[in-house]
N, C-alpha and C. Protein backbone atom coordinates (compact mmCIF):
# COMPACT_ATOMS: atom_id res chain seq x y z
N MET A 1 212.37 68.92 129.82
CA MET A 1 211.18 69.70 129.57
C MET A 1 212.29 70.83 129.90
N SER A 2 212.12 71.73 128.90
CA SER A 2 212.81 73.15 128.62
C SER A 2 212.13 74.05 129.72
N LEU A 3 212.91 75.04 130.06
CA LEU A 3 212.53 76.14 131.40
C LEU A 3 211.10 76.87 130.64
N LEU A 4 211.37 77.23 128.96
CA LEU A 4 209.93 77.69 128.40
C LEU A 4 208.92 77.21 128.70
N ASP A 5 208.81 75.67 128.42
CA ASP A 5 208.11 74.75 128.54
C ASP A 5 207.41 74.66 130.15
N GLU A 6 208.34 74.64 131.17
CA GLU A 6 207.63 74.81 132.16
C GLU A 6 206.89 75.98 132.35
N LEU A 7 207.97 76.85 132.09
CA LEU A 7 207.10 78.43 132.40
C LEU A 7 205.39 78.58 131.56
N PHE A 8 205.50 77.67 130.55
CA PHE A 8 204.17 77.68 129.90
C PHE A 8 203.21 76.63 130.62
N ASN A 9 203.55 75.62 131.27
CA ASN A 9 202.67 74.80 131.90
C ASN A 9 202.35 75.67 133.04
N TRP A 10 203.17 76.38 133.92
CA TRP A 10 202.42 77.22 134.80
C TRP A 10 201.89 78.10 134.56
N LEU A 11 201.86 78.84 133.61
CA LEU A 11 200.93 79.77 133.24
C LEU A 11 199.32 79.28 132.43
N PHE A 12 199.59 78.28 131.67
CA PHE A 12 198.31 77.65 131.19
C PHE A 12 197.77 76.36 131.40
N GLY A 13 198.85 75.54 132.31
CA GLY A 13 198.11 74.81 133.05
C GLY A 13 197.86 73.14 131.91
N SER A 14 199.44 73.13 130.72
CA SER A 14 199.60 72.06 129.80
C SER A 14 201.02 71.99 129.85
N ASP A 15 201.21 70.17 129.80
CA ASP A 15 202.32 70.34 129.42
C ASP A 15 202.34 69.82 127.64
N GLU A 16 201.37 69.79 126.94
CA GLU A 16 201.29 69.52 125.74
C GLU A 16 201.81 70.44 124.76
N PRO A 17 202.47 69.99 123.81
CA PRO A 17 202.90 71.15 123.35
C PRO A 17 201.93 71.84 122.39
N ALA A 18 200.97 70.65 121.59
CA ALA A 18 199.78 71.00 120.89
C ALA A 18 199.07 71.93 121.44
N VAL A 19 198.94 72.12 122.90
CA VAL A 19 197.88 72.97 123.59
C VAL A 19 198.26 74.37 123.18
N ARG A 20 199.90 74.21 123.75
CA ARG A 20 200.67 75.83 123.56
C ARG A 20 200.48 76.19 121.91
N GLU A 21 200.53 75.58 120.89
CA GLU A 21 200.31 75.96 119.89
C GLU A 21 199.04 76.42 119.45
N LYS A 22 197.88 75.58 119.76
CA LYS A 22 196.97 76.38 119.24
C LYS A 22 195.83 77.18 120.32
N ARG A 23 196.66 77.39 121.48
CA ARG A 23 196.04 78.50 122.49
C ARG A 23 196.13 80.02 121.21
N LYS A 24 194.88 80.49 121.56
CA LYS A 24 194.99 81.89 120.77
C LYS A 24 195.03 82.73 122.11
N LEU A 25 196.10 84.13 121.12
CA LEU A 25 196.19 85.21 122.53
C LEU A 25 194.47 85.72 122.86
N LYS A 26 194.26 86.25 123.86
CA LYS A 26 193.07 86.79 123.74
C LYS A 26 193.15 88.43 124.14
N VAL A 27 192.30 89.17 123.32
CA VAL A 27 192.88 90.62 122.77
C VAL A 27 191.20 91.16 123.41
N PHE A 28 191.03 92.29 124.23
CA PHE A 28 190.28 92.69 124.79
C PHE A 28 190.25 94.06 123.92
N ILE A 29 189.30 94.50 123.94
CA ILE A 29 188.69 95.63 122.63
C ILE A 29 188.03 96.99 123.58
N SER A 30 188.77 98.03 123.58
CA SER A 30 188.29 99.07 124.20
C SER A 30 187.47 100.13 123.11
N PHE A 31 186.19 100.52 123.29
CA PHE A 31 185.95 101.40 122.55
C PHE A 31 184.92 102.64 122.78
N ALA A 32 184.85 103.52 122.60
CA ALA A 32 183.60 104.29 122.57
C ALA A 32 182.24 103.60 121.92
N ILE A 33 181.12 103.68 122.50
CA ILE A 33 179.99 103.04 122.19
C ILE A 33 179.14 103.59 120.95
N GLU A 34 179.83 104.98 120.52
CA GLU A 34 179.57 105.11 119.07
C GLU A 34 180.30 104.52 118.14
N ASP A 35 181.77 103.97 118.14
CA ASP A 35 182.37 103.46 117.43
C ASP A 35 182.15 101.79 117.21
N LYS A 36 181.10 101.38 117.64
CA LYS A 36 180.87 100.16 117.68
C LYS A 36 181.29 99.46 116.53
N ARG A 37 180.73 100.03 115.36
CA ARG A 37 180.71 99.32 114.22
C ARG A 37 182.55 99.18 113.84
N TYR A 38 183.41 99.84 114.29
CA TYR A 38 184.43 99.63 113.77
C TYR A 38 185.00 98.47 114.64
N LYS A 39 184.51 98.26 116.01
CA LYS A 39 184.91 97.04 116.76
C LYS A 39 184.25 95.83 115.98
N VAL A 40 183.23 96.00 115.73
CA VAL A 40 182.87 94.74 114.63
C VAL A 40 183.46 94.66 113.60
N PHE A 41 183.94 95.33 112.78
CA PHE A 41 184.95 95.58 111.58
C PHE A 41 186.30 94.69 112.03
N LEU A 42 186.53 95.13 113.06
CA LEU A 42 188.14 94.63 113.51
C LEU A 42 187.42 93.04 113.69
N VAL A 43 186.25 92.74 114.72
CA VAL A 43 186.60 91.03 114.78
C VAL A 43 186.31 90.46 113.43
N SER A 44 185.43 91.13 112.45
CA SER A 44 185.45 90.38 111.32
C SER A 44 186.72 90.34 110.29
N GLN A 45 187.33 91.31 110.14
CA GLN A 45 188.68 91.56 109.86
C GLN A 45 189.50 90.06 110.21
N ALA A 46 189.54 90.06 111.98
CA ALA A 46 190.33 89.03 112.47
C ALA A 46 189.64 87.43 112.33
N LYS A 47 188.56 87.44 111.80
CA LYS A 47 188.21 85.91 111.14
C LYS A 47 188.47 85.72 109.80
N ASN A 48 188.73 86.64 109.17
CA ASN A 48 188.68 86.48 107.61
C ASN A 48 190.44 86.42 107.21
N GLU A 49 191.35 86.93 108.17
CA GLU A 49 192.68 86.58 108.24
C GLU A 49 193.01 85.19 109.24
N LYS A 50 192.26 84.65 109.42
CA LYS A 50 192.29 83.24 110.46
C LYS A 50 193.57 83.98 111.20
N SER A 51 193.10 84.90 112.12
CA SER A 51 193.92 85.40 113.00
C SER A 51 194.28 84.13 114.58
N PRO A 52 195.52 84.22 114.75
CA PRO A 52 196.28 83.63 115.93
C PRO A 52 195.52 84.60 117.11
N PHE A 53 194.37 85.26 117.30
CA PHE A 53 194.14 85.65 118.41
C PHE A 53 192.53 85.88 118.44
N GLU A 54 191.56 85.98 119.86
CA GLU A 54 190.35 86.03 119.48
C GLU A 54 189.94 87.26 120.57
N PHE A 55 188.94 88.13 120.51
CA PHE A 55 188.53 89.12 120.45
C PHE A 55 187.42 88.89 121.93
N THR A 56 187.52 89.88 122.86
CA THR A 56 186.59 90.17 123.83
C THR A 56 186.35 91.72 124.18
N ASP A 57 185.28 92.00 124.61
CA ASP A 57 184.44 93.49 124.99
C ASP A 57 183.88 93.36 126.21
N MET A 58 183.21 94.42 126.72
CA MET A 58 182.68 94.31 127.55
C MET A 58 180.88 95.62 127.15
N SER A 59 180.78 95.30 126.21
CA SER A 59 179.45 95.70 125.43
C SER A 59 178.32 95.08 126.46
N VAL A 60 177.43 95.79 126.73
CA VAL A 60 175.97 94.91 127.16
C VAL A 60 175.18 95.35 126.80
N LYS A 61 174.08 94.74 126.70
CA LYS A 61 172.80 94.73 125.84
C LYS A 61 171.82 95.94 127.11
N GLU A 62 172.22 95.54 128.14
CA GLU A 62 171.27 96.49 129.02
C GLU A 62 172.09 96.80 130.29
N PRO A 63 171.68 98.06 130.78
CA PRO A 63 172.56 98.63 131.62
C PRO A 63 172.57 98.03 132.90
N TRP A 64 173.81 97.66 133.69
CA TRP A 64 174.29 97.19 134.75
C TRP A 64 174.53 97.95 135.85
N SER A 65 174.59 97.76 136.97
CA SER A 65 175.30 99.07 138.02
C SER A 65 176.50 98.82 137.39
N ASN A 66 176.99 99.93 137.77
CA ASN A 66 178.25 100.30 137.87
C ASN A 66 179.19 99.78 138.54
N ASN A 67 179.16 98.96 139.50
CA ASN A 67 179.97 98.30 140.59
C ASN A 67 179.87 96.80 139.57
N VAL A 68 178.83 96.49 139.31
CA VAL A 68 178.95 94.62 138.36
C VAL A 68 179.65 94.96 137.10
N TRP A 69 179.14 96.34 137.02
CA TRP A 69 180.08 96.20 135.29
C TRP A 69 181.83 96.19 135.46
N LYS A 70 181.84 97.26 136.32
CA LYS A 70 183.39 97.44 136.77
C LYS A 70 183.97 96.16 137.31
N ARG A 71 183.22 95.11 138.29
CA ARG A 71 183.97 93.78 138.44
C ARG A 71 183.94 92.89 137.12
N GLU A 72 183.05 92.92 136.78
CA GLU A 72 183.13 91.81 135.19
C GLU A 72 183.75 92.40 134.25
N CYS A 73 183.81 93.64 134.15
CA CYS A 73 184.84 93.96 133.25
C CYS A 73 186.14 93.64 133.57
N ARG A 74 187.14 93.99 134.98
CA ARG A 74 188.04 93.34 135.16
C ARG A 74 188.58 92.00 135.25
N LYS A 75 187.44 91.62 135.46
CA LYS A 75 187.81 90.04 135.48
C LYS A 75 188.00 89.68 134.01
N ARG A 76 186.96 89.86 133.08
CA ARG A 76 187.68 89.90 131.48
C ARG A 76 188.90 90.47 131.18
N ILE A 77 189.38 91.66 131.45
CA ILE A 77 190.18 92.11 131.04
C ILE A 77 191.54 91.48 131.67
N ARG A 78 191.41 90.93 133.04
CA ARG A 78 192.78 90.20 133.44
C ARG A 78 192.61 88.93 132.60
N GLU A 79 191.68 88.27 132.38
CA GLU A 79 191.93 87.23 131.50
C GLU A 79 192.86 87.20 130.34
N CYS A 80 192.74 88.41 129.93
CA CYS A 80 193.50 88.60 128.65
C CYS A 80 194.70 88.93 128.08
N ASP A 81 195.65 88.83 127.16
CA ASP A 81 196.96 89.30 127.11
C ASP A 81 196.87 90.41 126.69
N ALA A 82 196.13 90.91 126.23
CA ALA A 82 196.59 92.64 125.73
C ALA A 82 195.08 93.28 125.20
N MET A 83 195.12 94.83 125.44
CA MET A 83 194.34 95.60 125.01
C MET A 83 194.48 96.22 123.62
N ILE A 84 193.41 96.65 122.96
CA ILE A 84 193.48 97.56 121.95
C ILE A 84 192.52 98.72 122.21
N VAL A 85 192.64 99.45 122.43
CA VAL A 85 191.69 100.72 122.34
C VAL A 85 191.28 101.81 120.90
N LEU A 86 190.39 101.30 120.32
CA LEU A 86 189.67 101.83 119.39
C LEU A 86 189.72 103.77 119.66
N LEU A 87 190.75 104.40 118.97
CA LEU A 87 190.69 105.98 119.32
C LEU A 87 190.00 106.65 117.96
N SER A 88 189.13 107.62 118.60
CA SER A 88 188.22 108.47 117.05
C SER A 88 188.02 109.50 118.77
N LYS A 89 187.02 110.41 117.92
CA LYS A 89 186.93 112.01 118.53
C LYS A 89 186.22 111.66 119.79
N ASN A 90 185.87 110.16 119.56
CA ASN A 90 184.63 110.13 120.81
C ASN A 90 185.51 108.92 122.38
N THR A 91 186.65 108.77 122.14
CA THR A 91 187.19 107.99 122.85
C THR A 91 187.61 109.20 124.40
N TRP A 92 187.91 110.53 124.35
CA TRP A 92 187.99 111.35 125.17
C TRP A 92 187.10 111.52 126.36
N HIS A 93 185.67 111.10 125.63
CA HIS A 93 184.63 111.42 126.09
C HIS A 93 183.85 110.47 127.20
N ALA A 94 184.65 109.16 126.52
CA ALA A 94 184.04 107.81 126.61
C ALA A 94 184.96 107.42 128.29
N GLY A 95 183.82 107.71 129.42
CA GLY A 95 184.17 107.45 130.59
C GLY A 95 184.44 105.47 130.91
N GLY A 96 183.83 104.97 130.44
CA GLY A 96 184.02 103.38 130.22
C GLY A 96 185.09 103.21 129.49
N THR A 97 185.57 103.65 128.40
CA THR A 97 186.65 103.13 127.83
C THR A 97 188.16 103.76 128.39
N ARG A 98 187.94 105.21 129.02
CA ARG A 98 188.98 105.40 129.98
C ARG A 98 189.05 104.61 131.11
N TRP A 99 188.13 104.19 131.99
CA TRP A 99 188.55 103.10 132.91
C TRP A 99 188.74 101.65 132.68
N GLU A 100 188.38 101.47 131.51
CA GLU A 100 188.91 100.07 130.82
C GLU A 100 190.77 99.97 130.66
N ILE A 101 191.40 101.41 130.39
CA ILE A 101 192.51 101.48 130.10
C ILE A 101 193.27 101.62 131.09
N ARG A 102 192.78 102.32 132.17
CA ARG A 102 193.40 102.55 133.55
C ARG A 102 193.36 101.35 134.25
N CYS A 103 192.43 100.18 133.87
CA CYS A 103 192.35 98.59 134.49
C CYS A 103 193.30 98.42 133.95
N ALA A 104 193.48 97.99 132.52
CA ALA A 104 194.45 97.08 132.48
C ALA A 104 195.78 97.76 132.40
N ARG A 105 196.29 98.65 133.00
CA ARG A 105 197.52 99.35 133.29
C ARG A 105 197.41 98.90 134.76
N GLU A 106 196.69 98.81 135.34
CA GLU A 106 196.74 98.10 137.01
C GLU A 106 197.06 97.03 136.67
N GLU A 107 196.44 95.88 136.16
CA GLU A 107 196.60 94.49 135.85
C GLU A 107 197.85 94.42 134.88
N ARG A 108 198.44 95.45 134.37
CA ARG A 108 199.60 95.25 133.42
C ARG A 108 199.29 94.63 132.16
N ILE A 109 198.33 94.57 131.76
CA ILE A 109 197.78 93.78 130.50
C ILE A 109 198.57 94.94 129.64
N LYS A 110 199.33 94.35 128.36
CA LYS A 110 199.71 95.22 127.02
C LYS A 110 198.82 95.77 126.44
N LEU A 111 198.86 97.17 126.22
CA LEU A 111 197.76 98.31 125.62
C LEU A 111 198.43 98.90 124.23
N ILE A 112 197.72 98.77 123.29
CA ILE A 112 198.09 99.74 121.95
C ILE A 112 196.85 100.38 121.49
N GLY A 113 196.76 101.53 121.19
CA GLY A 113 195.53 102.64 120.57
C GLY A 113 195.76 102.44 119.29
N MET A 114 194.96 102.35 118.72
CA MET A 114 194.47 102.46 117.04
C MET A 114 193.85 103.30 116.66
N HIS A 115 194.38 104.27 115.86
CA HIS A 115 193.01 105.28 115.65
C HIS A 115 192.19 104.55 114.62
N ILE A 116 191.15 104.87 114.57
CA ILE A 116 189.72 104.11 113.54
C ILE A 116 189.82 104.89 112.09
N LYS A 117 189.93 106.20 112.16
CA LYS A 117 190.19 106.82 111.02
C LYS A 117 191.37 107.80 110.77
N LYS A 118 191.74 107.53 109.16
CA LYS A 118 193.14 108.39 109.44
C LYS A 118 193.42 109.67 109.16
N ASP A 119 192.40 110.25 108.73
CA ASP A 119 192.20 111.67 108.71
C ASP A 119 190.99 112.54 109.89
N ASP A 120 190.81 111.67 110.66
CA ASP A 120 190.05 112.28 111.59
C ASP A 120 190.18 111.95 112.63
N LYS A 121 191.39 112.31 113.45
CA LYS A 121 191.51 111.50 114.80
C LYS A 121 191.19 112.58 116.07
N GLY A 122 190.81 111.85 116.92
CA GLY A 122 190.63 112.56 118.15
C GLY A 122 191.59 112.46 119.06
N ALA A 123 191.30 113.43 120.25
CA ALA A 123 192.66 113.64 121.28
C ALA A 123 193.09 111.97 121.69
N ILE A 124 194.37 111.69 122.31
CA ILE A 124 194.72 110.55 122.90
C ILE A 124 194.07 110.95 124.40
N PRO A 125 193.35 110.02 125.06
CA PRO A 125 193.17 110.22 126.44
C PRO A 125 194.70 110.08 127.23
N PRO A 126 194.70 110.70 128.14
CA PRO A 126 196.21 110.70 129.21
C PRO A 126 196.23 109.01 129.95
N GLU A 127 195.55 108.36 129.53
CA GLU A 127 195.88 107.11 130.18
C GLU A 127 196.54 106.06 129.12
N LEU A 128 196.57 106.31 127.90
CA LEU A 128 197.49 105.80 126.91
C LEU A 128 198.68 106.54 127.06
N GLU A 129 199.22 107.25 127.76
CA GLU A 129 200.33 108.37 128.10
C GLU A 129 201.46 107.23 128.35
N GLY A 130 202.57 107.16 127.30
CA GLY A 130 203.77 106.26 126.98
C GLY A 130 203.57 104.77 126.38
N LYS A 131 202.03 104.69 125.92
CA LYS A 131 201.84 103.83 124.85
C LYS A 131 202.15 103.78 123.44
N ARG A 132 201.94 102.52 122.72
CA ARG A 132 202.25 102.55 121.44
C ARG A 132 200.64 103.01 120.78
N ILE A 133 200.76 104.26 119.98
CA ILE A 133 199.61 104.60 119.12
C ILE A 133 199.70 104.09 117.51
N ILE A 134 198.98 103.66 116.94
CA ILE A 134 199.10 103.21 115.39
C ILE A 134 197.80 103.66 114.63
N GLU A 135 198.19 103.95 113.44
CA GLU A 135 196.77 103.90 112.40
C GLU A 135 196.25 102.32 112.20
N TRP A 136 195.38 102.44 111.89
CA TRP A 136 194.51 101.13 111.78
C TRP A 136 195.33 100.12 110.65
N ASN A 137 196.15 99.57 110.85
CA ASN A 137 196.86 98.83 110.24
C ASN A 137 196.85 97.38 110.85
N TRP A 138 196.55 96.53 109.89
CA TRP A 138 196.43 94.91 110.31
C TRP A 138 198.03 93.95 110.56
N GLU A 139 198.78 94.81 109.63
CA GLU A 139 200.15 94.35 109.94
C GLU A 139 200.78 94.56 111.30
N LYS A 140 200.82 95.88 111.54
CA LYS A 140 201.15 96.78 112.73
C LYS A 140 200.37 96.35 113.91
N LEU A 141 199.16 96.14 113.94
CA LEU A 141 198.62 95.28 115.12
C LEU A 141 198.76 93.73 115.67
N GLU A 142 199.21 93.06 114.32
CA GLU A 142 199.57 91.64 114.23
C GLU A 142 200.92 91.53 114.99
N ARG A 143 201.74 92.24 114.35
CA ARG A 143 203.06 92.40 115.18
C ARG A 143 203.14 92.60 116.54
N PHE A 144 202.20 93.89 117.02
CA PHE A 144 202.07 94.10 118.60
C PHE A 144 201.60 92.93 118.75
N LEU A 145 200.75 92.11 118.81
CA LEU A 145 199.97 91.14 119.45
C LEU A 145 200.92 89.64 119.46
N LYS A 146 201.50 89.89 118.38
CA LYS A 146 202.90 88.72 118.50
C LYS A 146 203.74 88.91 119.58
């Protein structure tokens, strides 16, 4: 067994090569609630492309207490391989999104910001300082995630 196989087994708990090949990357999508339709579009696009990754987010249908939401959100972020932050004019004012970015940084999760509109971009929150920012582009996003 190679060192790479041993590392994979230690990280993911399997020594079967087929399991390693089938495992999809788990990606957290952070977005301002006003931009939910873009999150839905991104998830739909991924399904159409038969992508090697799956998405998760912390959209809630009913209000939770702030502590419960943060605890559950951190748990989901910790389970992910990367985070995509959908950027718009709403992002700067989205406290939950900015907290999710800080959380991902604390958990050392790979981060990328992606503008949802080409000609109507909002300010990039300081929590993304030093991180890669791209325009909506499936190929660039896929390269980042691989």
